[in-house]
Amino acid sequence: MNILWSNVLWSDETKIELFGHNDHRYVWRKKGDACKPKNTIPTVKHGGGSIMLWGYFAAGGTGVLHKIDGYMRNENYVDILKQHLKTSLKLGRKWVFQMDNDPKHTSKDVAKWLKDNKVKVLEWPSQSPDLNPIEKLWEELKKHVRTRRPTNLTQLDQLCQEEWAKIHPTYCRRLPKTFDPS
């Protein structure tokens, strides 16, 4: 399949924690000042919770950012595709859909839905998130949400939606060029 990278719908899931791993801070301090309150950061046990999101983008901008309730299973994935991907496929271009080889993405139910809806799927190597330009978008999203300091999971989801919508199409247009292996 000869692919024009600007015609790919890049997709993936990400986990965003309310507190915890996503927020690294470094403090310069003088010898003997390590335990002073101004040099410590309070912690929250178990990271305060997290949300799982599925999203996609293409050279023209971001698509839907879908919050996944509970665990993602192949049935949930088919529902997400029905809800969101089908609309994008009506854009009139020869889109190719990219997804990783997670078992829930390659299940019989998903394969049937993709075939029934004539979705062209980009062949993709397993365990290679470093190749997917959406990882840069997740990084950007997390950075912007972190600066707004959400205090609960509802607010975290709301801020993720707002920041995702703000990602400029110009940025999205540049991302596939960072991947192009040719």
N, C-alpha and C. Protein backbone atom coordinates (compact mmCIF):
# COMPACT_ATOMS: atom_id res chain seq x y z
N MET A 1 0.86 -1.17 0.00
CA MET A 1 0.00 0.00 0.00
C MET A 1 0.90 1.24 0.00
N ASN A 2 0.76 2.08 -0.99
CA ASN A 2 1.52 3.33 -1.06
C ASN A 2 0.75 4.37 -0.25
N ILE A 3 1.37 4.92 0.77
CA ILE A 3 0.64 5.77 1.72
C ILE A 3 1.13 7.21 1.69
N LEU A 4 0.19 8.11 1.64
CA LEU A 4 0.48 9.53 1.82
C LEU A 4 0.22 9.80 3.30
N TRP A 5 1.26 10.10 4.07
CA TRP A 5 1.13 10.20 5.53
C TRP A 5 0.10 11.23 5.96
N SER A 6 -0.13 12.23 5.13
CA SER A 6 -1.13 13.23 5.50
C SER A 6 -2.56 12.69 5.40
N ASN A 7 -2.74 11.48 4.86
CA ASN A 7 -4.06 10.86 4.76
C ASN A 7 -4.30 9.80 5.83
N VAL A 8 -3.46 9.75 6.82
CA VAL A 8 -3.60 8.75 7.87
C VAL A 8 -4.35 9.35 9.06
N LEU A 9 -5.30 8.59 9.59
CA LEU A 9 -5.95 8.93 10.87
C LEU A 9 -5.16 8.16 11.93
N TRP A 10 -4.38 8.87 12.71
CA TRP A 10 -3.53 8.27 13.74
C TRP A 10 -4.34 8.14 15.02
N SER A 11 -4.35 6.97 15.65
CA SER A 11 -5.17 6.78 16.85
C SER A 11 -4.39 6.06 17.95
N ASP A 12 -4.90 6.19 19.16
CA ASP A 12 -4.31 5.49 20.30
C ASP A 12 -5.10 5.84 21.55
N GLU A 13 -4.75 5.14 22.64
CA GLU A 13 -5.30 5.45 23.96
C GLU A 13 -4.16 5.98 24.82
N THR A 14 -4.56 6.71 25.85
CA THR A 14 -3.58 7.15 26.84
C THR A 14 -4.24 7.22 28.20
N LYS A 15 -3.43 7.07 29.22
CA LYS A 15 -3.89 7.20 30.60
C LYS A 15 -3.35 8.52 31.12
N ILE A 16 -4.23 9.30 31.74
CA ILE A 16 -3.80 10.57 32.33
C ILE A 16 -4.14 10.54 33.81
N GLU A 17 -3.13 10.71 34.62
CA GLU A 17 -3.31 10.67 36.07
C GLU A 17 -3.60 12.06 36.61
N LEU A 18 -4.46 12.09 37.61
CA LEU A 18 -4.79 13.36 38.25
C LEU A 18 -3.56 13.95 38.93
N PHE A 19 -2.86 13.14 39.69
CA PHE A 19 -1.60 13.53 40.32
C PHE A 19 -0.64 12.37 40.08
N GLY A 20 0.60 12.57 40.36
CA GLY A 20 1.51 11.43 40.28
C GLY A 20 2.51 11.51 39.16
N HIS A 21 2.73 10.39 38.49
CA HIS A 21 3.80 10.23 37.51
C HIS A 21 3.84 11.37 36.49
N ASN A 22 2.70 11.87 36.09
CA ASN A 22 2.68 12.86 35.02
C ASN A 22 3.22 14.22 35.46
N ASP A 23 3.56 14.36 36.71
CA ASP A 23 3.96 15.66 37.21
C ASP A 23 5.32 15.55 37.91
N HIS A 24 6.40 15.81 37.20
CA HIS A 24 7.75 15.76 37.77
C HIS A 24 8.20 17.18 38.09
N ARG A 25 8.71 17.36 39.29
CA ARG A 25 9.24 18.67 39.67
C ARG A 25 10.61 18.48 40.29
N TYR A 26 11.48 19.42 40.01
CA TYR A 26 12.82 19.38 40.57
C TYR A 26 13.04 20.64 41.38
N VAL A 27 13.77 20.50 42.49
CA VAL A 27 14.02 21.62 43.39
C VAL A 27 15.52 21.72 43.63
N TRP A 28 16.08 22.92 43.45
CA TRP A 28 17.46 23.17 43.84
C TRP A 28 17.43 23.63 45.28
N ARG A 29 18.29 23.05 46.08
CA ARG A 29 18.31 23.44 47.48
C ARG A 29 19.75 23.43 48.00
N LYS A 30 19.93 24.18 49.07
CA LYS A 30 21.25 24.24 49.70
C LYS A 30 21.40 23.05 50.64
N LYS A 31 22.63 22.71 50.93
CA LYS A 31 22.92 21.61 51.85
C LYS A 31 22.24 21.89 53.19
N GLY A 32 21.52 20.90 53.72
CA GLY A 32 20.83 21.04 54.99
C GLY A 32 19.41 21.59 54.87
N ASP A 33 18.99 21.99 53.66
CA ASP A 33 17.65 22.55 53.45
C ASP A 33 16.64 21.54 52.90
N ALA A 34 17.05 20.29 52.77
CA ALA A 34 16.21 19.30 52.08
C ALA A 34 14.80 19.16 52.65
N CYS A 35 14.66 19.23 53.96
CA CYS A 35 13.35 18.97 54.55
C CYS A 35 12.53 20.21 54.87
N LYS A 36 13.01 21.36 54.50
CA LYS A 36 12.23 22.58 54.73
C LYS A 36 10.99 22.54 53.84
N PRO A 37 9.84 22.98 54.36
CA PRO A 37 8.59 22.91 53.60
C PRO A 37 8.67 23.50 52.19
N LYS A 38 9.44 24.56 52.01
CA LYS A 38 9.50 25.17 50.67
C LYS A 38 10.21 24.25 49.66
N ASN A 39 10.93 23.23 50.15
CA ASN A 39 11.65 22.31 49.27
C ASN A 39 11.00 20.94 49.17
N THR A 40 9.81 20.80 49.68
CA THR A 40 9.12 19.51 49.60
C THR A 40 7.82 19.66 48.82
N ILE A 41 7.38 18.56 48.28
CA ILE A 41 6.14 18.54 47.51
C ILE A 41 5.21 17.52 48.14
N PRO A 42 4.01 17.93 48.55
CA PRO A 42 3.08 16.97 49.14
C PRO A 42 2.69 15.91 48.10
N THR A 43 2.44 14.71 48.57
CA THR A 43 2.04 13.63 47.66
C THR A 43 0.63 13.17 47.97
N VAL A 44 0.04 12.48 47.02
CA VAL A 44 -1.28 11.90 47.19
C VAL A 44 -1.12 10.41 46.96
N LYS A 45 -1.60 9.60 47.88
CA LYS A 45 -1.50 8.15 47.72
C LYS A 45 -2.24 7.71 46.47
N HIS A 46 -1.63 6.82 45.72
CA HIS A 46 -2.22 6.20 44.53
C HIS A 46 -2.53 7.20 43.42
N GLY A 47 -1.89 8.33 43.41
CA GLY A 47 -1.99 9.27 42.29
C GLY A 47 -3.30 10.01 42.15
N GLY A 48 -4.26 9.82 43.04
CA GLY A 48 -5.52 10.56 42.96
C GLY A 48 -6.48 10.07 41.89
N GLY A 49 -6.14 8.99 41.22
CA GLY A 49 -6.99 8.44 40.16
C GLY A 49 -6.51 8.85 38.78
N SER A 50 -7.14 8.28 37.79
CA SER A 50 -6.74 8.57 36.41
C SER A 50 -7.93 8.36 35.48
N ILE A 51 -7.78 8.83 34.26
CA ILE A 51 -8.78 8.57 33.22
C ILE A 51 -8.06 7.99 32.01
N MET A 52 -8.79 7.18 31.26
CA MET A 52 -8.29 6.63 30.00
C MET A 52 -9.01 7.36 28.88
N LEU A 53 -8.24 7.74 27.87
CA LEU A 53 -8.80 8.46 26.73
C LEU A 53 -8.39 7.77 25.43
N TRP A 54 -9.28 7.78 24.46
CA TRP A 54 -8.97 7.35 23.10
C TRP A 54 -9.14 8.57 22.22
N GLY A 55 -8.21 8.75 21.32
CA GLY A 55 -8.33 9.88 20.42
C GLY A 55 -7.66 9.59 19.10
N TYR A 56 -7.86 10.50 18.18
CA TYR A 56 -7.19 10.40 16.89
C TYR A 56 -6.97 11.79 16.33
N PHE A 57 -6.06 11.84 15.35
CA PHE A 57 -5.83 13.09 14.65
C PHE A 57 -5.40 12.75 13.23
N ALA A 58 -5.47 13.74 12.38
CA ALA A 58 -4.97 13.65 11.02
C ALA A 58 -4.27 14.96 10.72
N ALA A 59 -3.75 15.09 9.53
CA ALA A 59 -3.03 16.31 9.16
C ALA A 59 -3.91 17.55 9.27
N GLY A 60 -5.22 17.39 9.20
CA GLY A 60 -6.14 18.52 9.28
C GLY A 60 -6.50 18.94 10.69
N GLY A 61 -6.08 18.19 11.70
CA GLY A 61 -6.39 18.56 13.07
C GLY A 61 -6.78 17.36 13.91
N THR A 62 -7.18 17.65 15.15
CA THR A 62 -7.57 16.59 16.07
C THR A 62 -8.99 16.14 15.78
N GLY A 63 -9.25 14.88 16.08
CA GLY A 63 -10.61 14.34 16.01
C GLY A 63 -11.19 14.34 17.41
N VAL A 64 -12.06 13.42 17.63
CA VAL A 64 -12.73 13.30 18.93
C VAL A 64 -11.76 12.77 19.98
N LEU A 65 -11.94 13.24 21.20
CA LEU A 65 -11.23 12.69 22.35
C LEU A 65 -12.31 12.01 23.20
N HIS A 66 -12.25 10.70 23.30
CA HIS A 66 -13.30 9.91 23.94
C HIS A 66 -12.81 9.36 25.28
N LYS A 67 -13.54 9.65 26.34
CA LYS A 67 -13.20 9.11 27.66
C LYS A 67 -13.71 7.68 27.72
N ILE A 68 -12.85 6.78 28.13
CA ILE A 68 -13.19 5.36 28.24
C ILE A 68 -13.62 5.09 29.68
N ASP A 69 -14.84 4.64 29.85
CA ASP A 69 -15.33 4.30 31.18
C ASP A 69 -14.97 2.85 31.48
N GLY A 70 -14.35 2.61 32.60
CA GLY A 70 -13.97 1.25 32.96
C GLY A 70 -12.81 0.75 32.11
N TYR A 71 -12.83 -0.53 31.83
CA TYR A 71 -11.76 -1.14 31.04
C TYR A 71 -12.13 -1.16 29.57
N MET A 72 -11.16 -0.96 28.72
CA MET A 72 -11.38 -1.03 27.28
C MET A 72 -11.38 -2.51 26.86
N ARG A 73 -12.46 -2.92 26.24
CA ARG A 73 -12.58 -4.26 25.68
C ARG A 73 -12.88 -4.10 24.20
N ASN A 74 -12.79 -5.21 23.46
CA ASN A 74 -13.04 -5.09 22.02
C ASN A 74 -14.44 -4.58 21.71
N GLU A 75 -15.43 -4.90 22.55
CA GLU A 75 -16.80 -4.41 22.32
C GLU A 75 -16.84 -2.88 22.47
N ASN A 76 -16.14 -2.37 23.50
CA ASN A 76 -16.06 -0.92 23.69
C ASN A 76 -15.39 -0.26 22.50
N TYR A 77 -14.36 -0.91 21.99
CA TYR A 77 -13.61 -0.34 20.88
C TYR A 77 -14.48 -0.25 19.63
N VAL A 78 -15.26 -1.28 19.37
CA VAL A 78 -16.19 -1.24 18.23
C VAL A 78 -17.18 -0.09 18.41
N ASP A 79 -17.70 0.08 19.62
CA ASP A 79 -18.64 1.18 19.88
C ASP A 79 -17.98 2.54 19.63
N ILE A 80 -16.74 2.69 20.06
CA ILE A 80 -16.01 3.94 19.83
C ILE A 80 -15.85 4.19 18.33
N LEU A 81 -15.47 3.15 17.60
CA LEU A 81 -15.31 3.30 16.15
C LEU A 81 -16.63 3.68 15.49
N LYS A 82 -17.71 3.03 15.91
CA LYS A 82 -19.04 3.35 15.36
C LYS A 82 -19.39 4.80 15.62
N GLN A 83 -19.15 5.23 16.85
CA GLN A 83 -19.50 6.59 17.26
C GLN A 83 -18.68 7.67 16.57
N HIS A 84 -17.38 7.43 16.46
CA HIS A 84 -16.49 8.52 16.09
C HIS A 84 -15.78 8.35 14.75
N LEU A 85 -15.33 7.17 14.46
CA LEU A 85 -14.53 6.99 13.25
C LEU A 85 -15.38 7.08 11.99
N LYS A 86 -16.57 6.52 12.04
CA LYS A 86 -17.42 6.51 10.85
C LYS A 86 -17.67 7.92 10.33
N THR A 87 -17.86 8.87 11.21
CA THR A 87 -18.06 10.26 10.81
C THR A 87 -16.85 10.78 10.05
N SER A 88 -15.66 10.46 10.53
CA SER A 88 -14.43 10.92 9.89
C SER A 88 -14.24 10.32 8.51
N LEU A 89 -14.73 9.12 8.33
CA LEU A 89 -14.53 8.45 7.05
C LEU A 89 -15.38 9.06 5.94
N LYS A 90 -16.31 9.93 6.30
CA LYS A 90 -17.14 10.61 5.31
C LYS A 90 -16.50 11.90 4.82
N LEU A 91 -15.25 12.12 5.16
CA LEU A 91 -14.58 13.37 4.82
C LEU A 91 -14.23 13.49 3.34
N GLY A 92 -14.36 12.42 2.59
CA GLY A 92 -14.14 12.51 1.16
C GLY A 92 -12.72 12.29 0.70
N ARG A 93 -11.81 11.99 1.59
CA ARG A 93 -10.43 11.69 1.20
C ARG A 93 -10.19 10.20 1.35
N LYS A 94 -9.14 9.74 0.82
CA LYS A 94 -8.79 8.31 0.90
C LYS A 94 -8.02 8.07 2.21
N TRP A 95 -8.74 8.04 3.30
CA TRP A 95 -8.13 7.88 4.61
C TRP A 95 -7.66 6.46 4.83
N VAL A 96 -6.59 6.34 5.60
CA VAL A 96 -6.09 5.06 6.08
C VAL A 96 -6.07 5.19 7.60
N PHE A 97 -6.60 4.18 8.28
CA PHE A 97 -6.71 4.23 9.73
C PHE A 97 -5.53 3.51 10.37
N GLN A 98 -4.88 4.18 11.31
CA GLN A 98 -3.77 3.58 12.04
C GLN A 98 -4.22 3.27 13.45
N MET A 99 -3.94 2.05 13.87
CA MET A 99 -4.15 1.64 15.26
C MET A 99 -3.05 0.65 15.58
N ASP A 100 -2.72 0.52 16.86
CA ASP A 100 -1.67 -0.43 17.21
C ASP A 100 -2.25 -1.85 17.22
N ASN A 101 -1.41 -2.81 17.51
CA ASN A 101 -1.83 -4.22 17.47
C ASN A 101 -2.27 -4.76 18.82
N ASP A 102 -2.79 -3.91 19.65
CA ASP A 102 -3.35 -4.35 20.91
C ASP A 102 -4.42 -5.40 20.60
N PRO A 103 -4.51 -6.49 21.37
CA PRO A 103 -5.49 -7.54 21.07
C PRO A 103 -6.94 -7.04 20.95
N LYS A 104 -7.30 -6.03 21.71
CA LYS A 104 -8.68 -5.53 21.59
C LYS A 104 -8.90 -4.81 20.26
N HIS A 105 -7.83 -4.34 19.63
CA HIS A 105 -7.95 -3.68 18.33
C HIS A 105 -7.97 -4.69 17.18
N THR A 106 -7.42 -5.86 17.42
CA THR A 106 -7.32 -6.85 16.35
C THR A 106 -8.30 -8.00 16.52
N SER A 107 -9.26 -7.86 17.41
CA SER A 107 -10.24 -8.92 17.64
C SER A 107 -11.11 -9.14 16.41
N LYS A 108 -11.80 -10.27 16.38
CA LYS A 108 -12.70 -10.59 15.25
C LYS A 108 -13.80 -9.55 15.11
N ASP A 109 -14.35 -9.09 16.24
CA ASP A 109 -15.43 -8.08 16.19
C ASP A 109 -14.95 -6.79 15.53
N VAL A 110 -13.77 -6.35 15.91
CA VAL A 110 -13.21 -5.12 15.35
C VAL A 110 -12.89 -5.32 13.87
N ALA A 111 -12.25 -6.44 13.54
CA ALA A 111 -11.90 -6.73 12.14
C ALA A 111 -13.15 -6.75 11.27
N LYS A 112 -14.22 -7.36 11.77
CA LYS A 112 -15.48 -7.41 11.01
C LYS A 112 -16.04 -6.01 10.79
N TRP A 113 -16.06 -5.19 11.84
CA TRP A 113 -16.60 -3.84 11.70
C TRP A 113 -15.78 -3.03 10.69
N LEU A 114 -14.47 -3.14 10.78
CA LEU A 114 -13.61 -2.41 9.85
C LEU A 114 -13.84 -2.87 8.41
N LYS A 115 -13.96 -4.18 8.23
CA LYS A 115 -14.20 -4.72 6.88
C LYS A 115 -15.58 -4.30 6.37
N ASP A 116 -16.60 -4.43 7.20
CA ASP A 116 -17.97 -4.06 6.80
C ASP A 116 -18.08 -2.59 6.43
N ASN A 117 -17.25 -1.76 7.05
CA ASN A 117 -17.29 -0.32 6.80
C ASN A 117 -16.19 0.15 5.84
N LYS A 118 -15.56 -0.82 5.21
CA LYS A 118 -14.54 -0.56 4.18
C LYS A 118 -13.44 0.39 4.66
N VAL A 119 -13.00 0.17 5.88
CA VAL A 119 -11.93 0.98 6.46
C VAL A 119 -10.58 0.36 6.10
N LYS A 120 -9.75 1.13 5.45
CA LYS A 120 -8.38 0.67 5.16
C LYS A 120 -7.56 0.87 6.42
N VAL A 121 -6.87 -0.19 6.82
CA VAL A 121 -6.07 -0.13 8.05
C VAL A 121 -4.59 -0.21 7.69
N LEU A 122 -3.83 0.69 8.26
CA LEU A 122 -2.39 0.72 8.06
C LEU A 122 -1.75 -0.44 8.81
N GLU A 123 -0.94 -1.23 8.12
CA GLU A 123 -0.21 -2.30 8.81
C GLU A 123 0.75 -1.64 9.78
N TRP A 124 0.82 -2.19 10.98
CA TRP A 124 1.57 -1.53 12.04
C TRP A 124 2.35 -2.55 12.86
N PRO A 125 3.62 -2.30 13.15
CA PRO A 125 4.38 -3.24 13.97
C PRO A 125 3.92 -3.22 15.42
N SER A 126 3.99 -4.38 16.06
CA SER A 126 3.62 -4.48 17.47
C SER A 126 4.62 -3.74 18.34
N GLN A 127 4.16 -3.31 19.50
CA GLN A 127 5.02 -2.68 20.51
C GLN A 127 5.88 -1.55 19.94
N SER A 128 5.26 -0.62 19.22
CA SER A 128 6.06 0.47 18.64
C SER A 128 5.39 1.83 18.78
N PRO A 129 5.06 2.22 20.03
CA PRO A 129 4.44 3.53 20.21
C PRO A 129 5.36 4.67 19.78
N ASP A 130 6.67 4.41 19.76
CA ASP A 130 7.62 5.44 19.35
C ASP A 130 7.43 5.86 17.90
N LEU A 131 6.77 5.03 17.11
CA LEU A 131 6.53 5.36 15.70
C LEU A 131 5.26 6.18 15.50
N ASN A 132 4.37 6.17 16.47
CA ASN A 132 3.08 6.82 16.30
C ASN A 132 3.16 8.30 16.69
N PRO A 133 2.94 9.20 15.73
CA PRO A 133 3.03 10.63 16.05
C PRO A 133 2.00 11.10 17.07
N ILE A 134 0.96 10.31 17.33
CA ILE A 134 -0.02 10.74 18.34
C ILE A 134 0.62 10.79 19.73
N GLU A 135 1.71 10.06 19.92
CA GLU A 135 2.40 10.11 21.22
C GLU A 135 2.85 11.54 21.54
N LYS A 136 3.25 12.28 20.51
CA LYS A 136 3.63 13.69 20.70
C LYS A 136 2.41 14.51 21.13
N LEU A 137 1.24 14.18 20.57
CA LEU A 137 0.02 14.90 20.97
C LEU A 137 -0.34 14.60 22.41
N TRP A 138 -0.20 13.33 22.82
CA TRP A 138 -0.50 12.99 24.22
C TRP A 138 0.44 13.77 25.14
N GLU A 139 1.70 13.83 24.77
CA GLU A 139 2.69 14.58 25.56
C GLU A 139 2.27 16.05 25.69
N GLU A 140 1.88 16.63 24.57
CA GLU A 140 1.44 18.03 24.53
C GLU A 140 0.19 18.23 25.39
N LEU A 141 -0.77 17.34 25.25
CA LEU A 141 -2.01 17.41 26.02
C LEU A 141 -1.71 17.35 27.52
N LYS A 142 -0.93 16.38 27.93
CA LYS A 142 -0.61 16.22 29.35
C LYS A 142 0.10 17.44 29.91
N LYS A 143 1.00 18.00 29.12
CA LYS A 143 1.74 19.19 29.56
C LYS A 143 0.77 20.36 29.81
N HIS A 144 -0.15 20.59 28.87
CA HIS A 144 -1.08 21.71 29.02
C HIS A 144 -2.09 21.48 30.14
N VAL A 145 -2.56 20.26 30.29
CA VAL A 145 -3.51 19.96 31.37
C VAL A 145 -2.82 20.11 32.72
N ARG A 146 -1.59 19.64 32.81
CA ARG A 146 -0.84 19.73 34.07
C ARG A 146 -0.70 21.17 34.54
N THR A 147 -0.49 22.11 33.60
CA THR A 147 -0.33 23.52 34.00
C THR A 147 -1.62 24.10 34.57
N ARG A 148 -2.76 23.48 34.25
CA ARG A 148 -4.04 23.99 34.75
C ARG A 148 -4.43 23.35 36.09
N ARG A 149 -3.68 22.39 36.55
CA ARG A 149 -3.82 21.77 37.86
C ARG A 149 -5.25 21.33 38.23
N PRO A 150 -5.78 20.34 37.54
CA PRO A 150 -7.12 19.85 37.90
C PRO A 150 -7.11 19.25 39.31
N THR A 151 -8.26 19.33 39.98
CA THR A 151 -8.33 18.85 41.36
C THR A 151 -9.18 17.60 41.53
N ASN A 152 -9.92 17.20 40.48
CA ASN A 152 -10.71 15.97 40.55
C ASN A 152 -10.81 15.36 39.14
N LEU A 153 -11.31 14.14 39.05
CA LEU A 153 -11.33 13.44 37.77
C LEU A 153 -12.28 14.06 36.76
N THR A 154 -13.39 14.61 37.22
CA THR A 154 -14.32 15.28 36.31
C THR A 154 -13.65 16.50 35.68
N GLN A 155 -12.98 17.26 36.50
CA GLN A 155 -12.27 18.44 36.00
C GLN A 155 -11.11 18.02 35.08
N LEU A 156 -10.45 16.92 35.42
CA LEU A 156 -9.37 16.41 34.57
C LEU A 156 -9.89 16.10 33.17
N ASP A 157 -11.02 15.41 33.09
CA ASP A 157 -11.62 15.09 31.79
C ASP A 157 -11.99 16.37 31.03
N GLN A 158 -12.62 17.30 31.73
CA GLN A 158 -13.04 18.56 31.10
C GLN A 158 -11.84 19.33 30.55
N LEU A 159 -10.78 19.42 31.33
CA LEU A 159 -9.58 20.14 30.89
C LEU A 159 -8.90 19.43 29.72
N CYS A 160 -8.92 18.10 29.75
CA CYS A 160 -8.37 17.34 28.62
C CYS A 160 -9.13 17.66 27.34
N GLN A 161 -10.47 17.68 27.43
CA GLN A 161 -11.29 17.99 26.26
C GLN A 161 -10.98 19.40 25.74
N GLU A 162 -10.89 20.36 26.66
CA GLU A 162 -10.61 21.75 26.27
C GLU A 162 -9.24 21.89 25.61
N GLU A 163 -8.24 21.29 26.21
CA GLU A 163 -6.88 21.41 25.69
C GLU A 163 -6.72 20.66 24.36
N TRP A 164 -7.40 19.54 24.22
CA TRP A 164 -7.37 18.77 22.96
C TRP A 164 -7.95 19.62 21.83
N ALA A 165 -9.04 20.30 22.12
CA ALA A 165 -9.70 21.14 21.10
C ALA A 165 -8.82 22.33 20.70
N LYS A 166 -7.91 22.73 21.57
CA LYS A 166 -7.05 23.89 21.28
C LYS A 166 -5.83 23.53 20.42
N ILE A 167 -5.55 22.24 20.26
CA ILE A 167 -4.36 21.86 19.49
C ILE A 167 -4.57 22.29 18.05
N HIS A 168 -3.67 23.10 17.57
CA HIS A 168 -3.83 23.75 16.26
C HIS A 168 -3.57 22.77 15.11
N PRO A 169 -4.37 22.86 14.04
CA PRO A 169 -4.16 22.00 12.87
C PRO A 169 -2.74 22.08 12.29
N THR A 170 -2.10 23.23 12.40
CA THR A 170 -0.73 23.36 11.88
C THR A 170 0.21 22.40 12.61
N TYR A 171 0.01 22.28 13.92
CA TYR A 171 0.82 21.34 14.71
C TYR A 171 0.56 19.91 14.24
N CYS A 172 -0.72 19.58 14.05
CA CYS A 172 -1.10 18.24 13.59
C CYS A 172 -0.53 17.95 12.20
N ARG A 173 -0.51 18.94 11.35
CA ARG A 173 0.00 18.76 9.99
C ARG A 173 1.50 18.43 10.00
N ARG A 174 2.23 18.99 10.95
CA ARG A 174 3.68 18.74 11.04
C ARG A 174 4.01 17.36 11.61
N LEU A 175 3.17 16.84 12.49
CA LEU A 175 3.50 15.60 13.20
C LEU A 175 3.78 14.39 12.31
N PRO A 176 2.96 14.09 11.31
CA PRO A 176 3.26 12.92 10.47
C PRO A 176 4.61 13.03 9.77
N LYS A 177 5.07 14.23 9.52
CA LYS A 177 6.36 14.42 8.86
C LYS A 177 7.51 13.96 9.77
N THR A 178 7.26 13.95 11.08
CA THR A 178 8.30 13.49 12.01
C THR A 178 8.42 11.97 11.96
N PHE A 179 7.40 11.31 11.42
CA PHE A 179 7.38 9.85 11.35
C PHE A 179 7.92 9.31 10.04
N ASP A 180 7.66 9.98 8.96
CA ASP A 180 7.92 9.48 7.60
C ASP A 180 9.26 8.75 7.47
N PRO A 181 9.22 7.42 7.30
CA PRO A 181 10.45 6.64 7.23
C PRO A 181 11.09 6.61 5.84
N SER A 182 10.45 7.19 4.84
CA SER A 182 10.99 7.10 3.48
C SER A 182 12.14 8.04 3.22
